[in-house]
Structure formats: structure tokens, C-alpha cells
C-alpha atoms as a PDB file:
ATOM      1  CA  UNK A   1       1.958  -2.305  20.396  1.00  0.00           C
ATOM      2  CA  UNK A   2       0.310  -2.560  17.016  1.00  0.00           C
ATOM      3  CA  UNK A   3       0.687   0.646  15.063  1.00  0.00           C
ATOM      4  CA  UNK A   4      -2.705   2.165  14.331  1.00  0.00           C
ATOM      5  CA  UNK A   5      -3.747   5.395  12.711  1.00  0.00           C
ATOM      6  CA  UNK A   6      -7.221   6.821  13.113  1.00  0.00           C
ATOM      7  CA  UNK A   7      -9.376   7.116  10.037  1.00  0.00           C
ATOM      8  CA  UNK A   8      -9.536  10.859  10.515  1.00  0.00           C
ATOM      9  CA  UNK A   9      -5.750  11.068  10.844  1.00  0.00           C
ATOM     10  CA  UNK A  10      -5.367   8.975   7.710  1.00  0.00           C
ATOM     11  CA  UNK A  11      -7.675  11.360   5.894  1.00  0.00           C
ATOM     12  CA  UNK A  12      -5.705  14.310   7.181  1.00  0.00           C
ATOM     13  CA  UNK A  13      -2.364  12.948   6.044  1.00  0.00           C
ATOM     14  CA  UNK A  14      -3.749  12.179   2.596  1.00  0.00           C
ATOM     15  CA  UNK A  15      -4.385  15.872   1.960  1.00  0.00           C
ATOM     16  CA  UNK A  16      -1.719  17.707  -0.024  1.00  0.00           C
ATOM     17  CA  UNK A  17      -1.131  21.287   0.960  1.00  0.00           C
ATOM     18  CA  UNK A  18       0.166  22.895  -2.191  1.00  0.00           C
ATOM     19  CA  UNK A  19      -1.892  25.994  -2.742  1.00  0.00           C
ATOM     20  CA  UNK A  20      -2.580  26.752   0.923  1.00  0.00           C
ATOM     21  CA  UNK A  21      -2.896  30.424   1.653  1.00  0.00           C
ATOM     22  CA  UNK A  22       0.395  32.136   2.467  1.00  0.00           C
ATOM     23  CA  UNK A  23       1.134  35.002   4.838  1.00  0.00           C
ATOM     24  CA  UNK A  24       0.469  35.969   8.429  1.00  0.00           C
ATOM     25  CA  UNK A  25      -2.948  36.375  10.004  1.00  0.00           C
ATOM     26  CA  UNK A  26      -4.255  39.922  10.363  1.00  0.00           C
ATOM     27  CA  UNK A  27      -4.878  40.822  14.036  1.00  0.00           C
ATOM     28  CA  UNK A  28      -7.585  43.270  12.947  1.00  0.00           C
ATOM     29  CA  UNK A  29      -9.578  40.532  11.188  1.00  0.00           C
ATOM     30  CA  UNK A  30     -11.925  39.388  13.942  1.00  0.00           C
ATOM     31  CA  UNK A  31     -14.295  37.327  11.771  1.00  0.00           C
ATOM     32  CA  UNK A  32     -13.958  33.571  12.245  1.00  0.00           C
ATOM     33  CA  UNK A  33     -15.450  31.035   9.878  1.00  0.00           C
ATOM     34  CA  UNK A  34     -16.312  28.265  12.342  1.00  0.00           C
ATOM     35  CA  UNK A  35     -16.724  24.780  10.903  1.00  0.00           C
ATOM     36  CA  UNK A  36     -18.587  22.106  12.843  1.00  0.00           C
ATOM     37  CA  UNK A  37     -19.149  18.440  12.023  1.00  0.00           C
ATOM     38  CA  UNK A  38     -22.689  17.199  12.580  1.00  0.00           C
ATOM     39  CA  UNK A  39     -23.379  13.979  10.706  1.00  0.00           C
ATOM     40  CA  UNK A  40     -26.615  12.983  12.390  1.00  0.00           C
ATOM     41  CA  UNK A  41     -27.870  13.005  15.961  1.00  0.00           C
ATOM     42  CA  UNK A  42     -26.553  16.147  17.603  1.00  0.00           C
ATOM     43  CA  UNK A  43     -23.632  15.931  20.053  1.00  0.00           C
ATOM     44  CA  UNK A  44     -23.094  18.308  22.948  1.00  0.00           C
ATOM     45  CA  UNK A  45     -19.810  19.469  21.427  1.00  0.00           C
ATOM     46  CA  UNK A  46     -21.689  20.485  18.279  1.00  0.00           C
ATOM     47  CA  UNK A  47     -24.338  22.228  20.356  1.00  0.00           C
ATOM     48  CA  UNK A  48     -21.654  24.343  22.029  1.00  0.00           C
ATOM     49  CA  UNK A  49     -20.505  25.682  18.667  1.00  0.00           C
ATOM     50  CA  UNK A  50     -24.094  26.271  17.555  1.00  0.00           C
ATOM     51  CA  UNK A  51     -24.957  28.184  20.704  1.00  0.00           C
ATOM     52  CA  UNK A  52     -21.797  30.263  20.460  1.00  0.00           C
ATOM     53  CA  UNK A  53     -22.431  31.193  16.826  1.00  0.00           C
ATOM     54  CA  UNK A  54     -25.893  32.443  17.834  1.00  0.00           C
ATOM     55  CA  UNK A  55     -24.750  34.338  20.949  1.00  0.00           C
ATOM     56  CA  UNK A  56     -24.463  37.844  19.508  1.00  0.00           C
ATOM     57  CA  UNK A  57     -24.022  39.562  22.873  1.00  0.00           C
ATOM     58  CA  UNK A  58     -21.175  37.296  23.946  1.00  0.00           C
ATOM     59  CA  UNK A  59     -19.428  37.604  20.586  1.00  0.00           C
ATOM     60  CA  UNK A  60     -19.723  41.395  20.736  1.00  0.00           C
ATOM     61  CA  UNK A  61     -18.222  41.400  24.230  1.00  0.00           C
ATOM     62  CA  UNK A  62     -15.254  39.396  22.931  1.00  0.00           C
ATOM     63  CA  UNK A  63     -14.958  41.526  19.774  1.00  0.00           C
ATOM     64  CA  UNK A  64     -15.288  38.591  17.416  1.00  0.00           C
ATOM     65  CA  UNK A  65     -17.764  37.609  14.719  1.00  0.00           C
ATOM     66  CA  UNK A  66     -18.595  34.064  13.660  1.00  0.00           C
ATOM     67  CA  UNK A  67     -19.751  32.678  10.344  1.00  0.00           C
ATOM     68  CA  UNK A  68     -21.011  29.183  11.128  1.00  0.00           C
ATOM     69  CA  UNK A  69     -20.674  26.339   8.603  1.00  0.00           C
ATOM     70  CA  UNK A  70     -21.972  22.866   9.371  1.00  0.00           C
ATOM     71  CA  UNK A  71     -20.527  19.776   7.671  1.00  0.00           C
ATOM     72  CA  UNK A  72     -21.798  16.226   7.348  1.00  0.00           C
ATOM     73  CA  UNK A  73     -18.485  15.082   5.830  1.00  0.00           C
ATOM     74  CA  UNK A  74     -15.605  15.114   8.314  1.00  0.00           C
ATOM     75  CA  UNK A  75     -12.953  14.742   5.607  1.00  0.00           C
ATOM     76  CA  UNK A  76     -14.258  17.842   3.833  1.00  0.00           C
ATOM     77  CA  UNK A  77     -14.246  19.825   7.094  1.00  0.00           C
ATOM     78  CA  UNK A  78     -10.650  18.942   7.953  1.00  0.00           C
ATOM     79  CA  UNK A  79      -9.511  19.617   4.398  1.00  0.00           C
ATOM     80  CA  UNK A  80     -11.219  23.008   4.438  1.00  0.00           C
ATOM     81  CA  UNK A  81      -9.461  23.921   7.689  1.00  0.00           C
ATOM     82  CA  UNK A  82      -6.114  23.074   6.112  1.00  0.00           C
ATOM     83  CA  UNK A  83      -6.992  25.060   2.994  1.00  0.00           C
ATOM     84  CA  UNK A  84      -8.269  28.077   4.896  1.00  0.00           C
ATOM     85  CA  UNK A  85     -11.874  27.721   3.760  1.00  0.00           C
ATOM     86  CA  UNK A  86     -12.829  27.541   7.421  1.00  0.00           C
ATOM     87  CA  UNK A  87     -10.840  29.179  10.182  1.00  0.00           C
ATOM     88  CA  UNK A  88     -11.597  27.122  13.304  1.00  0.00           C
ATOM     89  CA  UNK A  89     -12.795  23.610  14.123  1.00  0.00           C
ATOM     90  CA  UNK A  90     -13.453  21.563  17.282  1.00  0.00           C
ATOM     91  CA  UNK A  91     -12.008  18.064  16.945  1.00  0.00           C
ATOM     92  CA  UNK A  92      -9.465  15.484  18.025  1.00  0.00           C
ATOM     93  CA  UNK A  93      -5.885  16.699  18.539  1.00  0.00           C
ATOM     94  CA  UNK A  94      -4.334  13.651  16.818  1.00  0.00           C
ATOM     95  CA  UNK A  95      -5.966  14.534  13.518  1.00  0.00           C
ATOM     96  CA  UNK A  96      -4.793  18.133  13.629  1.00  0.00           C
ATOM     97  CA  UNK A  97      -1.283  17.054  14.619  1.00  0.00           C
ATOM     98  CA  UNK A  98      -1.117  14.733  11.634  1.00  0.00           C
ATOM     99  CA  UNK A  99      -2.163  17.532   9.283  1.00  0.00           C
ATOM    100  CA  UNK A 100       0.358  19.922  10.818  1.00  0.00           C
ATOM    101  CA  UNK A 101       3.321  17.581  10.293  1.00  0.00           C
ATOM    102  CA  UNK A 102       2.265  17.277   6.651  1.00  0.00           C
ATOM    103  CA  UNK A 103       2.569  21.046   6.254  1.00  0.00           C
ATOM    104  CA  UNK A 104      -0.920  22.335   6.989  1.00  0.00           C
ATOM    105  CA  UNK A 105      -0.908  25.763   8.711  1.00  0.00           C
ATOM    106  CA  UNK A 106      -2.805  24.490  11.751  1.00  0.00           C
ATOM    107  CA  UNK A 107      -2.338  25.689  15.326  1.00  0.00           C
ATOM    108  CA  UNK A 108      -4.213  24.667  18.459  1.00  0.00           C
ATOM    109  CA  UNK A 109      -6.055  27.590  20.018  1.00  0.00           C
ATOM    110  CA  UNK A 110      -6.693  25.583  23.159  1.00  0.00           C
ATOM    111  CA  UNK A 111      -8.270  22.610  24.887  1.00  0.00           C
ATOM    112  CA  UNK A 112     -12.020  22.085  24.738  1.00  0.00           C
ATOM    113  CA  UNK A 113     -13.007  18.946  26.673  1.00  0.00           C
ATOM    114  CA  UNK A 114     -11.380  16.077  28.514  1.00  0.00           C
ATOM    115  CA  UNK A 115     -12.197  12.457  27.876  1.00  0.00           C
ATOM    116  CA  UNK A 116     -15.308  10.885  29.303  1.00  0.00           C
ATOM    117  CA  UNK A 117     -14.519   7.594  27.569  1.00  0.00           C
ATOM    118  CA  UNK A 118     -15.378   4.495  29.571  1.00  0.00           C
ATOM    119  CA  UNK A 119     -15.163   0.718  29.317  1.00  0.00           C
ATOM    120  CA  UNK A 120     -18.366  -1.274  29.688  1.00  0.00           C
ATOM    121  CA  UNK A 121     -19.190  -4.951  30.136  1.00  0.00           C
ATOM    122  CA  UNK A 122     -22.085  -7.189  31.098  1.00  0.00           C
ATOM    123  CA  UNK A 123     -20.641  -7.484  34.587  1.00  0.00           C
ATOM    124  CA  UNK A 124     -16.978  -8.446  34.399  1.00  0.00           C
ATOM    125  CA  UNK A 125     -14.632  -5.898  35.946  1.00  0.00           C
ATOM    126  CA  UNK A 126     -11.790  -4.499  33.847  1.00  0.00           C
ATOM    127  CA  UNK A 127      -8.908  -6.506  35.297  1.00  0.00           C
ATOM    128  CA  UNK A 128      -5.881  -8.213  33.805  1.00  0.00           C
ATOM    129  CA  UNK A 129      -7.365 -11.674  34.285  1.00  0.00           C
ATOM    130  CA  UNK A 130     -10.767 -10.716  32.907  1.00  0.00           C
ATOM    131  CA  UNK A 131      -9.432  -8.932  29.828  1.00  0.00           C
ATOM    132  CA  UNK A 132      -6.663 -11.302  28.771  1.00  0.00           C
ATOM    133  CA  UNK A 133      -7.724 -13.276  25.704  1.00  0.00           C
ATOM    134  CA  UNK A 134     -11.114 -11.553  25.596  1.00  0.00           C
ATOM    135  CA  UNK A 135     -12.752  -9.424  22.938  1.00  0.00           C
ATOM    136  CA  UNK A 136     -13.027  -5.624  23.164  1.00  0.00           C
ATOM    137  CA  UNK A 137     -15.246  -3.771  20.688  1.00  0.00           C
ATOM    138  CA  UNK A 138     -14.387  -0.111  20.204  1.00  0.00           C
ATOM    139  CA  UNK A 139     -14.315   2.628  17.586  1.00  0.00           C
ATOM    140  CA  UNK A 140     -10.724   1.551  17.021  1.00  0.00           C
ATOM    141  CA  UNK A 141      -9.976   3.978  14.179  1.00  0.00           C
ATOM    142  CA  UNK A 142     -10.413   6.983  16.472  1.00  0.00           C
ATOM    143  CA  UNK A 143      -7.891   9.013  18.401  1.00  0.00           C
ATOM    144  CA  UNK A 144      -9.952   8.386  21.530  1.00  0.00           C
ATOM    145  CA  UNK A 145      -9.336   4.647  21.319  1.00  0.00           C
ATOM    146  CA  UNK A 146      -5.666   5.322  20.636  1.00  0.00           C
ATOM    147  CA  UNK A 147      -5.476   7.008  24.030  1.00  0.00           C
ATOM    148  CA  UNK A 148      -7.737   4.563  25.860  1.00  0.00           C
ATOM    149  CA  UNK A 149      -5.721   1.540  24.757  1.00  0.00           C
ATOM    150  CA  UNK A 150      -2.644   3.169  26.294  1.00  0.00           C
ATOM    151  CA  UNK A 151      -4.622   3.693  29.509  1.00  0.00           C
ATOM    152  CA  UNK A 152      -5.687   0.043  29.492  1.00  0.00           C
ATOM    153  CA  UNK A 153      -2.052  -0.952  29.000  1.00  0.00           C
ATOM    154  CA  UNK A 154      -1.095   1.160  32.015  1.00  0.00           C
ATOM    155  CA  UNK A 155      -3.952  -0.213  34.123  1.00  0.00           C
ATOM    156  CA  UNK A 156      -3.757  -3.925  33.214  1.00  0.00           C
ATOM    157  CA  UNK A 157      -0.392  -4.427  31.512  1.00  0.00           C
ATOM    158  CA  UNK A 158      -2.193  -5.836  28.465  1.00  0.00           C
ATOM    159  CA  UNK A 159      -1.471  -4.767  24.899  1.00  0.00           C
ATOM    160  CA  UNK A 160      -4.297  -4.284  22.411  1.00  0.00           C
ATOM    161  CA  UNK A 161      -4.434  -6.881  19.608  1.00  0.00           C
ATOM    162  CA  UNK A 162      -1.708  -8.892  21.331  1.00  0.00           C
ATOM    163  CA  UNK A 163      -3.153  -9.763  24.730  1.00  0.00           C
ATOM    164  CA  UNK A 164      -6.803  -9.183  23.848  1.00  0.00           C
ATOM    165  CA  UNK A 165      -8.748  -8.942  20.600  1.00  0.00           C
ATOM    166  CA  UNK A 166      -9.980  -5.583  19.359  1.00  0.00           C
ATOM    167  CA  UNK A 167     -13.015  -5.495  17.087  1.00  0.00           C
ATOM    168  CA  UNK A 168     -13.950  -2.235  15.403  1.00  0.00           C
ATOM    169  CA  UNK A 169     -17.305  -0.633  16.047  1.00  0.00           C
ATOM    170  CA  UNK A 170     -18.213   2.249  13.780  1.00  0.00           C
ATOM    171  CA  UNK A 171     -19.168   4.488  16.697  1.00  0.00           C
ATOM    172  CA  UNK A 172     -19.557   4.487  20.467  1.00  0.00           C
ATOM    173  CA  UNK A 173     -23.205   3.566  20.071  1.00  0.00           C
ATOM    174  CA  UNK A 174     -22.593   0.620  17.753  1.00  0.00           C
ATOM    175  CA  UNK A 175     -19.760  -0.649  19.955  1.00  0.00           C
ATOM    176  CA  UNK A 176     -22.069  -0.708  22.973  1.00  0.00           C
ATOM    177  CA  UNK A 177     -24.833  -2.324  20.920  1.00  0.00           C
ATOM    178  CA  UNK A 178     -22.469  -5.162  20.028  1.00  0.00           C
ATOM    179  CA  UNK A 179     -21.605  -5.646  23.687  1.00  0.00           C
ATOM    180  CA  UNK A 180     -25.285  -5.711  24.624  1.00  0.00           C
ATOM    181  CA  UNK A 181     -25.889  -8.310  21.915  1.00  0.00           C
ATOM    182  CA  UNK A 182     -23.200 -10.542  23.422  1.00  0.00           C
ATOM    183  CA  UNK A 183     -20.700 -10.398  20.552  1.00  0.00           C
ATOM    184  CA  UNK A 184     -17.931  -8.980  22.765  1.00  0.00           C
ATOM    185  CA  UNK A 185     -16.803  -9.133  26.383  1.00  0.00           C
ATOM    186  CA  UNK A 186     -16.025  -5.423  26.761  1.00  0.00           C
ATOM    187  CA  UNK A 187     -16.807  -2.232  24.871  1.00  0.00           C
ATOM    188  CA  UNK A 188     -15.407   1.287  24.842  1.00  0.00           C
ATOM    189  CA  UNK A 189     -17.606   4.332  24.332  1.00  0.00           C
ATOM    190  CA  UNK A 190     -17.949   7.946  25.336  1.00  0.00           C
ATOM    191  CA  UNK A 191     -20.287  10.901  25.552  1.00  0.00           C
ATOM    192  CA  UNK A 192     -23.990  10.621  24.979  1.00  0.00           C
ATOM    193  CA  UNK A 193     -23.684   6.945  24.021  1.00  0.00           C
ATOM    194  CA  UNK A 194     -22.904   6.034  27.649  1.00  0.00           C
ATOM    195  CA  UNK A 195     -26.127   7.553  28.903  1.00  0.00           C
ATOM    196  CA  UNK A 196     -28.185   6.228  26.009  1.00  0.00           C
ATOM    197  CA  UNK A 197     -26.894   2.768  26.964  1.00  0.00           C
ATOM    198  CA  UNK A 198     -28.318   3.148  30.467  1.00  0.00           C
ATOM    199  CA  UNK A 199     -31.758   3.672  28.948  1.00  0.00           C
ATOM    200  CA  UNK A 200     -31.537   1.025  26.228  1.00  0.00           C
ATOM    201  CA  UNK A 201     -29.382  -1.794  27.572  1.00  0.00           C
ATOM    202  CA  UNK A 202     -29.966  -2.772  31.209  1.00  0.00           C
ATOM    203  CA  UNK A 203     -27.558  -5.713  30.765  1.00  0.00           C
ATOM    204  CA  UNK A 204     -24.475  -3.494  30.364  1.00  0.00           C
ATOM    205  CA  UNK A 205     -22.732  -1.215  32.826  1.00  0.00           C
ATOM    206  CA  UNK A 206     -19.647   0.965  33.058  1.00  0.00           C
ATOM    207  CA  UNK A 207     -16.803  -0.934  34.704  1.00  0.00           C
ATOM    208  CA  UNK A 208     -14.083   1.703  34.249  1.00  0.00           C
ATOM    209  CA  UNK A 209     -15.008   5.359  33.817  1.00  0.00           C
ATOM    210  CA  UNK A 210     -12.726   8.139  32.581  1.00  0.00           C
ATOM    211  CA  UNK A 211     -11.263   8.811  36.025  1.00  0.00           C
ATOM    212  CA  UNK A 212     -10.561   5.121  36.642  1.00  0.00           C
ATOM    213  CA  UNK A 213      -8.934   4.755  33.219  1.00  0.00           C
ATOM    214  CA  UNK A 214      -6.780   7.795  33.961  1.00  0.00           C
ATOM    215  CA  UNK A 215      -5.321   5.841  36.903  1.00  0.00           C
ATOM    216  CA  UNK A 216      -4.825   8.800  39.221  1.00  0.00           C
ATOM    217  CA  UNK A 217      -4.141  11.333  36.475  1.00  0.00           C
ATOM    218  CA  UNK A 218      -6.483  13.750  34.754  1.00  0.00           C
ATOM    219  CA  UNK A 219      -8.501  12.277  31.876  1.00  0.00           C
ATOM    220  CA  UNK A 220      -6.755  13.091  28.620  1.00  0.00           C
ATOM    221  CA  UNK A 221      -7.719  16.066  26.454  1.00  0.00           C
ATOM    222  CA  UNK A 222     -10.101  14.534  23.921  1.00  0.00           C
ATOM    223  CA  UNK A 223     -11.204  17.635  22.006  1.00  0.00           C
ATOM    224  CA  UNK A 224      -9.407  20.849  21.126  1.00  0.00           C
ATOM    225  CA  UNK A 225     -10.103  23.984  19.120  1.00  0.00           C
ATOM    226  CA  UNK A 226      -7.820  24.192  16.084  1.00  0.00           C
ATOM    227  CA  UNK A 227      -7.375  27.238  13.861  1.00  0.00           C
ATOM    228  CA  UNK A 228      -5.791  27.931  10.513  1.00  0.00           C
ATOM    229  CA  UNK A 229      -2.724  29.861  11.619  1.00  0.00           C
ATOM    230  CA  UNK A 230      -2.629  31.907   8.425  1.00  0.00           C
ATOM    231  CA  UNK A 231      -6.199  33.077   8.911  1.00  0.00           C
ATOM    232  CA  UNK A 232      -6.566  33.594  12.685  1.00  0.00           C
ATOM    233  CA  UNK A 233      -4.218  35.732  14.761  1.00  0.00           C
ATOM    234  CA  UNK A 234      -3.392  34.481  18.249  1.00  0.00           C
ATOM    235  CA  UNK A 235      -5.124  37.475  19.872  1.00  0.00           C
ATOM    236  CA  UNK A 236      -8.318  36.592  18.003  1.00  0.00           C
ATOM    237  CA  UNK A 237      -8.112  32.881  18.846  1.00  0.00           C
ATOM    238  CA  UNK A 238      -7.580  33.760  22.528  1.00  0.00           C
ATOM    239  CA  UNK A 239     -10.821  35.740  22.459  1.00  0.00           C
ATOM    240  CA  UNK A 240     -12.524  32.804  20.741  1.00  0.00           C
ATOM    241  CA  UNK A 241     -11.393  30.514  23.562  1.00  0.00           C
ATOM    242  CA  UNK A 242     -12.698  32.985  26.155  1.00  0.00           C
ATOM    243  CA  UNK A 243     -16.050  32.972  24.378  1.00  0.00           C
ATOM    244  CA  UNK A 244     -16.133  29.167  24.225  1.00  0.00           C
ATOM    245  CA  UNK A 245     -15.352  29.005  27.957  1.00  0.00           C
ATOM    246  CA  UNK A 246     -18.225  31.340  28.817  1.00  0.00           C
ATOM    247  CA  UNK A 247     -20.586  29.466  26.517  1.00  0.00           C
ATOM    248  CA  UNK A 248     -19.617  26.151  28.108  1.00  0.00           C
ATOM    249  CA  UNK A 249     -20.278  27.595  31.579  1.00  0.00           C
ATOM    250  CA  UNK A 250     -23.738  28.685  30.431  1.00  0.00           C
ATOM    251  CA  UNK A 251     -24.500  25.188  29.169  1.00  0.00           C
ATOM    252  CA  UNK A 252     -23.473  23.636  32.483  1.00  0.00           C
ATOM    253  CA  UNK A 253     -25.893  25.980  34.248  1.00  0.00           C
ATOM    254  CA  UNK A 254     -28.788  25.405  31.822  1.00  0.00           C
ATOM    255  CA  UNK A 255     -28.959  21.640  31.410  1.00  0.00           C
ATOM    256  CA  UNK A 256     -32.730  21.626  30.838  1.00  0.00           C
ATOM    257  CA  UNK A 257     -32.554  24.074  27.941  1.00  0.00           C
ATOM    258  CA  UNK A 258     -29.616  22.291  26.359  1.00  0.00           C
ATOM    259  CA  UNK A 259     -31.359  18.945  26.741  1.00  0.00           C
ATOM    260  CA  UNK A 260     -34.495  20.291  25.053  1.00  0.00           C
ATOM    261  CA  UNK A 261     -32.486  21.464  22.080  1.00  0.00           C
ATOM    262  CA  UNK A 262     -30.602  18.167  21.931  1.00  0.00           C
ATOM    263  CA  UNK A 263     -33.922  16.311  21.786  1.00  0.00           C
ATOM    264  CA  UNK A 264     -34.875  18.490  18.829  1.00  0.00           C
ATOM    265  CA  UNK A 265     -31.598  17.334  17.266  1.00  0.00           C
ATOM    266  CA  UNK A 266     -32.491  13.667  17.688  1.00  0.00           C
ATOM    267  CA  UNK A 267     -31.224  12.787  21.169  1.00  0.00           C
ATOM    268  CA  UNK A 268     -33.350  10.687  23.520  1.00  0.00           C
ATOM    269  CA  UNK A 269     -34.991  12.739  26.288  1.00  0.00           C
ATOM    270  CA  UNK A 270     -32.864  13.156  29.382  1.00  0.00           C
ATOM    271  CA  UNK A 271     -29.576  11.933  27.891  1.00  0.00           C
ATOM    272  CA  UNK A 272     -27.844  15.298  27.539  1.00  0.00           C
ATOM    273  CA  UNK A 273     -29.318  16.564  30.817  1.00  0.00           C
ATOM    274  CA  UNK A 274     -27.786  13.611  32.642  1.00  0.00           C
ATOM    275  CA  UNK A 275     -24.516  13.988  30.742  1.00  0.00           C
ATOM    276  CA  UNK A 276     -24.235  17.583  31.934  1.00  0.00           C
ATOM    277  CA  UNK A 277     -25.536  17.192  35.478  1.00  0.00           C
ATOM    278  CA  UNK A 278     -23.347  14.159  36.150  1.00  0.00           C
ATOM    279  CA  UNK A 279     -20.258  16.179  35.282  1.00  0.00           C
ATOM    280  CA  UNK A 280     -19.369  13.759  32.498  1.00  0.00           C
ATOM    281  CA  UNK A 281     -19.367  16.447  29.814  1.00  0.00           C
ATOM    282  CA  UNK A 282     -15.856  17.300  31.096  1.00  0.00           C
ATOM    283  CA  UNK A 283     -15.504  20.764  29.569  1.00  0.00           C
ATOM    284  CA  UNK A 284     -11.982  22.113  30.058  1.00  0.00           C
ATOM    285  CA  UNK A 285     -11.756  25.195  27.848  1.00  0.00           C
ATOM    286  CA  UNK A 286      -8.290  26.713  28.186  1.00  0.00           C
ATOM    287  CA  UNK A 287      -6.275  28.789  25.700  1.00  0.00           C
ATOM    288  CA  UNK A 288      -2.835  27.585  24.627  1.00  0.00           C
ATOM    289  CA  UNK A 289      -0.014  27.934  25.516  1.00  0.00           C
ATOM    290  CA  UNK A 290      -0.232  26.912  29.152  1.00  0.00           C
ATOM    291  CA  UNK A 291      -0.198  23.797  31.335  1.00  0.00           C
ATOM    292  CA  UNK A 292      -2.820  22.098  29.165  1.00  0.00           C
ATOM    293  CA  UNK A 293      -0.640  22.569  26.090  1.00  0.00           C
ATOM    294  CA  UNK A 294       2.306  20.983  27.915  1.00  0.00           C
ATOM    295  CA  UNK A 295       0.071  18.102  28.978  1.00  0.00           C
ATOM    296  CA  UNK A 296      -1.264  17.496  25.482  1.00  0.00           C
ATOM    297  CA  UNK A 297       2.240  17.634  24.048  1.00  0.00           C
ATOM    298  CA  UNK A 298       3.284  14.868  26.445  1.00  0.00           C
ATOM    299  CA  UNK A 299       0.204  12.816  25.534  1.00  0.00           C
ATOM    300  CA  UNK A 300       0.926  13.065  21.815  1.00  0.00           C
ATOM    301  CA  UNK A 301       4.571  12.191  22.426  1.00  0.00           C
ATOM    302  CA  UNK A 302       3.463   9.019  24.215  1.00  0.00           C
ATOM    303  CA  UNK A 303       1.358   8.155  21.200  1.00  0.00           C
ATOM    304  CA  UNK A 304       4.369   8.697  18.938  1.00  0.00           C
ATOM    305  CA  UNK A 305       6.514   6.505  21.200  1.00  0.00           C
ATOM    306  CA  UNK A 306       3.946   3.701  20.961  1.00  0.00           C
ATOM    307  CA  UNK A 307       3.609   4.042  17.183  1.00  0.00           C
ATOM    308  CA  UNK A 308       0.018   5.277  17.340  1.00  0.00           C
ATOM    309  CA  UNK A 309       0.912   8.429  15.408  1.00  0.00           C
ATOM    310  CA  UNK A 310       4.020   8.860  13.311  1.00  0.00           C
ATOM    311  CA  UNK A 311       5.558  12.203  14.226  1.00  0.00           C
ATOM    312  CA  UNK A 312       5.273  15.152  16.606  1.00  0.00           C
ATOM    313  CA  UNK A 313       4.439  18.604  15.262  1.00  0.00           C
ATOM    314  CA  UNK A 314       6.634  21.527  16.264  1.00  0.00           C
ATOM    315  CA  UNK A 315       6.118  23.837  19.217  1.00  0.00           C
ATOM    316  CA  UNK A 316       4.236  26.337  17.069  1.00  0.00           C
ATOM    317  CA  UNK A 317       1.413  23.811  16.764  1.00  0.00           C
ATOM    318  CA  UNK A 318       0.838  24.149  20.521  1.00  0.00           C
ATOM    319  CA  UNK A 319       1.148  27.946  20.458  1.00  0.00           C
ATOM    320  CA  UNK A 320       4.609  27.713  21.998  1.00  0.00           C
ATOM    321  CA  UNK A 321       7.749  29.502  20.968  1.00  0.00           C
ATOM    322  CA  UNK A 322      10.704  27.415  19.782  1.00  0.00           C
END
């Protein structure tokens, strides 16, 4: 398999960590500087962090305080996590793993959401015969595609860039737009983009959803909560994960309110409501260590074995003891 490295991972590995804060986190320091990327139209993951930062009663119950910082530059956000300028971030585990092996004091507090990535076409099913020699457009510099291409390999036996062509799309939305325009045979996307496509492009449809790509397994953990290990004690990050879990449950039960706020953030009406009510949001908020940490460790090891990422971080990255 062709070795690929996501753009975010490449950014993370480019950071040098001389000058990072030294020392152990203080268990009595319950204030968390929460960084969140929001570069344009709001995503449901970003909304979860926004809601949590505003939920004073829930934060008081969990004995934590949040200072919320929003970023439009993902590189700056990930660098600030490594430097200790922010304490916690929701993002892709591959990026955090890459930073950790380069010496950044990053630990995963827990899982946040499983993949809802899907493959779409203008009618052709995702089969070995249909995919071989064809063109797939995907956000190919992302950790999500890194996982999905391994799922496609498992499902069809076909290797990306060897058995079928992969064309980069800058985002899920642009990948699906290219498919709708007829410049590719298949596309990969996730999240809100899948439901926006239903409204905008009647000529495309999902031919392999996250469950089908998982091939009898659970969809992979797409998003995690990472913390700066020198700034956030494990007891504090556990309480943060409890708060995220309760906030996610509230969002699942209040799809209309969340949808209204998403529309204010630029989403098309009904997209986030359908994302939530269909179950495709795939929240799975669990503190590490635990079964989810073991699962993610195995997923990252598979990516190392295939040359998708270069090295595994140590057990401490997953909140495990050596």
C-alpha cells in the first residue's frame, strides 16, 4: 500500500517541542482551556464543544471550568495543544499520535465519535469488479481516508492507488461535488456532507455506509478528545469526558434545537436534524483507558503496519500503564 500521511499529521510532526512546559499536571487545577477548530460552516462536533463550554450547570456538577478558544487555523490549534497554550482538543487520533511520538506531551482522554464515513456513487455498487481501475475522489490527506482505504482493502481486496485511482478532494463536500459532476466513479465523505448531498445531488447515493465499510466490526473511532498531559490531570480529564458524554446525550435528545443553531452557523436546514435522528452522528464518548483504548491502539497499529503512519506512541498516550 502506498504510504500516505495526512496533512494534519504532517503538520503535527513538523512541530518541534523544545520549550514545552515541564512537570506533572496539578489535580486541583480544574480549569480546562478547550480549543476547537471551526473554519467555516459549523460541524456537529464543534457544536458539542460550544454547548459544553456554555453549560455552566453541567460543568459545576463535574467540578470543572472551561475557557473556550475557537480556531480557524488547524495547524495553530494542534501546535498550541502541544505547547500547552490550550489544554484539550477534539480531533483525529492519527494527528495526536504523530505529535506524541515526536515528543509532545499529549494523552488521549477518551473516544468522542465513531466514523460515519461512507462511499457514494452515481449508482454502481462498491464491489471489486466495479472499483478496479476506477477513480475514487476523497479527502485523501485525512486520517479518515487512511482508515477507509484499509476498510475498502478488506472489503474488496483492492489497494488504493494501485488497483484504483485516488484523486484528492479538499473536503467531504468537494469530493461529493466532484462525483456529482461526473469527474469520478466513487467518492468518500462523512458527516453533514452526506446529508447535504441528499438535498443537493439527486444523482448520487450512498453505496457503502459506515457499518458496511466496517464489514461486521464497529466503525472505527474517528474523533477523540486529546489533552496536554502536563496541564490536565487524569482525574480532571475523566470528569471532562463525563461532561462531554452528558452533553452528547442532550444533543441526541434535542435535535431540533441543535439543528436551529447549526443553521445559524451556516448549515442547510434539516441537515443536522437528520444527521442526529438517523443515528449517523455516532457519538461514542468513553474515557480511556478501557476497551475503546485497546480498540484504537489496534487500529493505529494496523495503520503503522500498512505504512499509513510511521510509529506507534507508547501506552501512556492511551492512558495505559506500561
